[in-house]
């Protein structure tokens, strides 16, 4: 899957202890198998739905904002996981 390097955004790249603690708590509610299935479904959706071009080159009413509506908590946990993993790679 193609990702935009997090370094291109002005985001502090450290693992916030409270974010990590909260993410771990939420992950305790899912089995590893369930989380992997949800994550794979999310990645399949964004692989299919993301269009080429510069990020945010279209207005929000044209679909630039991406949210997985049928699993919103999974979507937000996925974003947190990607952020936490990016912080570890720096």
C-alpha atoms as a PDB file:
ATOM      1  CA  UNK A   1       0.000   0.000   0.000  1.00  0.00           C
ATOM      2  CA  UNK A   2       1.300   3.468  -0.862  1.00  0.00           C
ATOM      3  CA  UNK A   3       1.454   5.923   2.026  1.00  0.00           C
ATOM      4  CA  UNK A   4       2.324   9.597   2.318  1.00  0.00           C
ATOM      5  CA  UNK A   5       5.434   9.915   4.508  1.00  0.00           C
ATOM      6  CA  UNK A   6       4.408  11.420   7.827  1.00  0.00           C
ATOM      7  CA  UNK A   7       7.491  13.641   7.719  1.00  0.00           C
ATOM      8  CA  UNK A   8       5.668  15.730   5.090  1.00  0.00           C
ATOM      9  CA  UNK A   9       3.286  16.924   7.794  1.00  0.00           C
ATOM     10  CA  UNK A  10       4.148  19.173  10.716  1.00  0.00           C
ATOM     11  CA  UNK A  11       3.360  16.541  13.356  1.00  0.00           C
ATOM     12  CA  UNK A  12       5.565  15.848  16.372  1.00  0.00           C
ATOM     13  CA  UNK A  13       6.809  12.303  15.935  1.00  0.00           C
ATOM     14  CA  UNK A  14       6.933  10.947  19.430  1.00  0.00           C
ATOM     15  CA  UNK A  15       4.719   8.356  21.015  1.00  0.00           C
ATOM     16  CA  UNK A  16       2.468  10.239  23.393  1.00  0.00           C
ATOM     17  CA  UNK A  17       2.105   8.036  26.476  1.00  0.00           C
ATOM     18  CA  UNK A  18      -1.597   8.840  26.859  1.00  0.00           C
ATOM     19  CA  UNK A  19      -2.325   8.066  23.207  1.00  0.00           C
ATOM     20  CA  UNK A  20      -0.418   4.788  23.459  1.00  0.00           C
ATOM     21  CA  UNK A  21      -2.177   3.854  26.714  1.00  0.00           C
ATOM     22  CA  UNK A  22      -5.603   4.623  25.208  1.00  0.00           C
ATOM     23  CA  UNK A  23      -4.821   2.719  22.009  1.00  0.00           C
ATOM     24  CA  UNK A  24      -3.693  -0.308  24.025  1.00  0.00           C
ATOM     25  CA  UNK A  25      -6.929  -0.170  26.030  1.00  0.00           C
ATOM     26  CA  UNK A  26      -9.057  -0.082  22.880  1.00  0.00           C
ATOM     27  CA  UNK A  27      -7.022  -2.925  21.367  1.00  0.00           C
ATOM     28  CA  UNK A  28      -7.753  -5.027  24.464  1.00  0.00           C
ATOM     29  CA  UNK A  29     -11.413  -5.000  23.377  1.00  0.00           C
ATOM     30  CA  UNK A  30     -10.630  -6.806  20.091  1.00  0.00           C
ATOM     31  CA  UNK A  31      -9.109 -10.188  19.440  1.00  0.00           C
ATOM     32  CA  UNK A  32      -5.995 -10.082  17.252  1.00  0.00           C
ATOM     33  CA  UNK A  33      -7.946 -11.884  14.533  1.00  0.00           C
ATOM     34  CA  UNK A  34     -10.843  -9.403  14.658  1.00  0.00           C
ATOM     35  CA  UNK A  35      -8.494  -6.407  14.503  1.00  0.00           C
ATOM     36  CA  UNK A  36      -6.581  -7.887  11.550  1.00  0.00           C
ATOM     37  CA  UNK A  37      -9.851  -8.449   9.647  1.00  0.00           C
ATOM     38  CA  UNK A  38     -11.015  -4.897  10.351  1.00  0.00           C
ATOM     39  CA  UNK A  39      -7.624  -3.468   9.386  1.00  0.00           C
ATOM     40  CA  UNK A  40      -7.546  -5.460   6.140  1.00  0.00           C
ATOM     41  CA  UNK A  41     -11.063  -4.259   5.282  1.00  0.00           C
ATOM     42  CA  UNK A  42     -10.034  -0.645   5.905  1.00  0.00           C
ATOM     43  CA  UNK A  43      -6.883  -1.007   3.808  1.00  0.00           C
ATOM     44  CA  UNK A  44      -8.894  -2.586   1.011  1.00  0.00           C
ATOM     45  CA  UNK A  45     -11.332   0.350   1.060  1.00  0.00           C
ATOM     46  CA  UNK A  46      -8.649   3.033   1.018  1.00  0.00           C
ATOM     47  CA  UNK A  47      -6.645   1.204  -1.635  1.00  0.00           C
ATOM     48  CA  UNK A  48      -9.691   1.251  -3.897  1.00  0.00           C
ATOM     49  CA  UNK A  49     -11.015   4.719  -3.020  1.00  0.00           C
ATOM     50  CA  UNK A  50      -7.936   6.942  -2.960  1.00  0.00           C
ATOM     51  CA  UNK A  51      -7.424   8.844  -6.197  1.00  0.00           C
ATOM     52  CA  UNK A  52      -4.120   9.894  -7.705  1.00  0.00           C
ATOM     53  CA  UNK A  53      -2.927  13.467  -7.482  1.00  0.00           C
ATOM     54  CA  UNK A  54      -1.538  15.793  -4.900  1.00  0.00           C
ATOM     55  CA  UNK A  55      -3.026  15.403  -1.417  1.00  0.00           C
ATOM     56  CA  UNK A  56      -5.914  17.763  -0.804  1.00  0.00           C
ATOM     57  CA  UNK A  57      -5.921  18.921  -4.425  1.00  0.00           C
ATOM     58  CA  UNK A  58      -9.717  18.674  -4.500  1.00  0.00           C
ATOM     59  CA  UNK A  59     -12.222  20.448  -2.311  1.00  0.00           C
ATOM     60  CA  UNK A  60     -13.808  18.497   0.542  1.00  0.00           C
ATOM     61  CA  UNK A  61     -17.169  18.349  -1.257  1.00  0.00           C
ATOM     62  CA  UNK A  62     -15.438  16.365  -4.036  1.00  0.00           C
ATOM     63  CA  UNK A  63     -14.490  13.566  -1.668  1.00  0.00           C
ATOM     64  CA  UNK A  64     -11.037  14.510  -0.398  1.00  0.00           C
ATOM     65  CA  UNK A  65     -12.057  13.806   3.196  1.00  0.00           C
ATOM     66  CA  UNK A  66     -11.868  10.076   3.746  1.00  0.00           C
ATOM     67  CA  UNK A  67     -13.681   8.355   6.578  1.00  0.00           C
ATOM     68  CA  UNK A  68     -14.668   4.711   6.704  1.00  0.00           C
ATOM     69  CA  UNK A  69     -18.269   5.193   7.802  1.00  0.00           C
ATOM     70  CA  UNK A  70     -19.234   1.549   8.286  1.00  0.00           C
ATOM     71  CA  UNK A  71     -16.480   1.060  10.916  1.00  0.00           C
ATOM     72  CA  UNK A  72     -15.693   4.506  12.288  1.00  0.00           C
ATOM     73  CA  UNK A  73     -14.019   3.318  15.494  1.00  0.00           C
ATOM     74  CA  UNK A  74     -11.913   0.914  13.443  1.00  0.00           C
ATOM     75  CA  UNK A  75     -11.000   3.758  11.088  1.00  0.00           C
ATOM     76  CA  UNK A  76      -9.864   6.060  13.894  1.00  0.00           C
ATOM     77  CA  UNK A  77      -7.968   3.262  15.648  1.00  0.00           C
ATOM     78  CA  UNK A  78      -6.308   2.461  12.320  1.00  0.00           C
ATOM     79  CA  UNK A  79      -5.163   6.084  12.019  1.00  0.00           C
ATOM     80  CA  UNK A  80      -3.791   6.012  15.563  1.00  0.00           C
ATOM     81  CA  UNK A  81      -1.955   2.757  14.857  1.00  0.00           C
ATOM     82  CA  UNK A  82      -0.393   4.195  11.702  1.00  0.00           C
ATOM     83  CA  UNK A  83       0.726   7.281  13.658  1.00  0.00           C
ATOM     84  CA  UNK A  84       2.219   5.189  16.463  1.00  0.00           C
ATOM     85  CA  UNK A  85       4.073   2.983  13.972  1.00  0.00           C
ATOM     86  CA  UNK A  86       5.395   6.041  12.114  1.00  0.00           C
ATOM     87  CA  UNK A  87       6.689   7.475  15.395  1.00  0.00           C
ATOM     88  CA  UNK A  88       8.632   4.260  16.024  1.00  0.00           C
ATOM     89  CA  UNK A  89      10.233   4.349  12.571  1.00  0.00           C
ATOM     90  CA  UNK A  90      11.750   7.811  12.996  1.00  0.00           C
END
